Amino acid sequence: MAKNKMPPELLEHFKKKAAKKEGKDVETDENKKESDNSRRKEAVKKARVKMEEKSRSNRDKQKEAGQERS
């Protein structure tokens, strides 16, 4: 094999890979970071809501248990 030449199988593989990328809408790094940040923010919001609901239900259970004892 000559210097700086790629085997034909490997060259074909990369050509196919490049063709797939052209067909798809490739995200830029900037867009990807923004989408990742928005997903994280949404996940944090959902987790916060779940935690608040859980703490609220625990407080309600404690109040009910306190009223039953009285």
Protein backbone atom coordinates (compact mmCIF):
# COMPACT_ATOMS: atom_id res chain seq x y z
CA MET A 1 0.00 0.00 0.00
CA ALA A 2 1.35 3.40 -0.92
CA LYS A 3 2.04 5.96 1.74
CA ASN A 4 -0.97 8.15 2.68
CA LYS A 5 -3.44 5.91 0.85
CA MET A 6 -6.44 4.39 2.52
CA PRO A 7 -7.53 0.80 1.83
CA PRO A 8 -10.55 0.75 -0.51
CA GLU A 9 -12.82 -0.95 2.07
CA LEU A 10 -12.09 1.73 4.63
CA LEU A 11 -12.51 4.51 2.08
CA GLU A 12 -15.89 3.08 1.10
CA HIS A 13 -16.92 2.92 4.76
CA PHE A 14 -16.15 6.61 5.29
CA LYS A 15 -17.91 7.61 2.08
CA LYS A 16 -21.07 5.84 3.26
CA LYS A 17 -20.76 7.45 6.65
CA ALA A 18 -20.41 10.91 5.10
CA ALA A 19 -23.42 10.29 2.87
CA LYS A 20 -25.53 9.39 5.91
CA LYS A 21 -24.49 12.59 7.66
CA GLU A 22 -25.44 14.69 4.65
CA GLY A 23 -28.85 13.08 4.53
CA LYS A 24 -29.53 13.80 8.18
CA ASP A 25 -29.81 17.19 9.79
CA VAL A 26 -26.50 17.31 11.62
CA GLU A 27 -26.56 19.29 14.85
CA THR A 28 -23.80 21.74 15.45
CA ASP A 29 -21.99 21.79 18.77
CA GLU A 30 -23.77 25.02 19.70
CA ASN A 31 -27.23 23.57 19.03
CA LYS A 32 -26.36 20.35 20.80
CA LYS A 33 -25.24 22.21 23.92
CA GLU A 34 -28.43 24.25 23.95
CA SER A 35 -30.61 21.18 23.58
CA ASP A 36 -28.66 19.37 26.31
CA ASN A 37 -29.07 22.34 28.64
CA SER A 38 -32.79 22.55 27.96
CA ARG A 39 -33.19 18.82 28.62
CA ARG A 40 -31.30 19.15 31.90
CA LYS A 41 -33.46 22.08 32.96
CA GLU A 42 -36.62 20.10 32.20
CA ALA A 43 -35.30 17.11 34.14
CA VAL A 44 -34.48 19.31 37.13
CA LYS A 45 -37.98 20.83 37.06
CA LYS A 46 -39.60 17.39 36.96
CA ALA A 47 -37.41 16.12 39.79
CA ARG A 48 -38.20 19.19 41.90
CA VAL A 49 -41.94 18.72 41.36
CA LYS A 50 -41.72 15.05 42.34
CA MET A 51 -39.74 15.88 45.47
CA GLU A 52 -42.25 18.56 46.48
CA GLU A 53 -45.17 16.19 45.94
CA LYS A 54 -43.43 13.52 47.99
CA SER A 55 -42.68 15.89 50.87
CA ARG A 56 -46.24 17.24 50.71
CA SER A 57 -47.70 13.73 50.91
CA ASN A 58 -45.36 12.87 53.80
CA ARG A 59 -46.50 15.98 55.71
CA ASP A 60 -50.12 15.05 55.10
CA LYS A 61 -49.49 11.53 56.42
CA GLN A 62 -47.79 12.92 59.51
CA LYS A 63 -50.71 15.28 60.15
CA GLU A 64 -53.20 12.43 59.80
CA ALA A 65 -51.15 10.25 62.14
CA GLY A 66 -50.99 13.11 64.66
CA GLN A 67 -54.75 13.62 64.53
CA GLU A 68 -55.43 9.93 65.03
CA ARG A 69 -53.37 9.89 68.22
CA SER A 70 -55.23 12.81 69.78
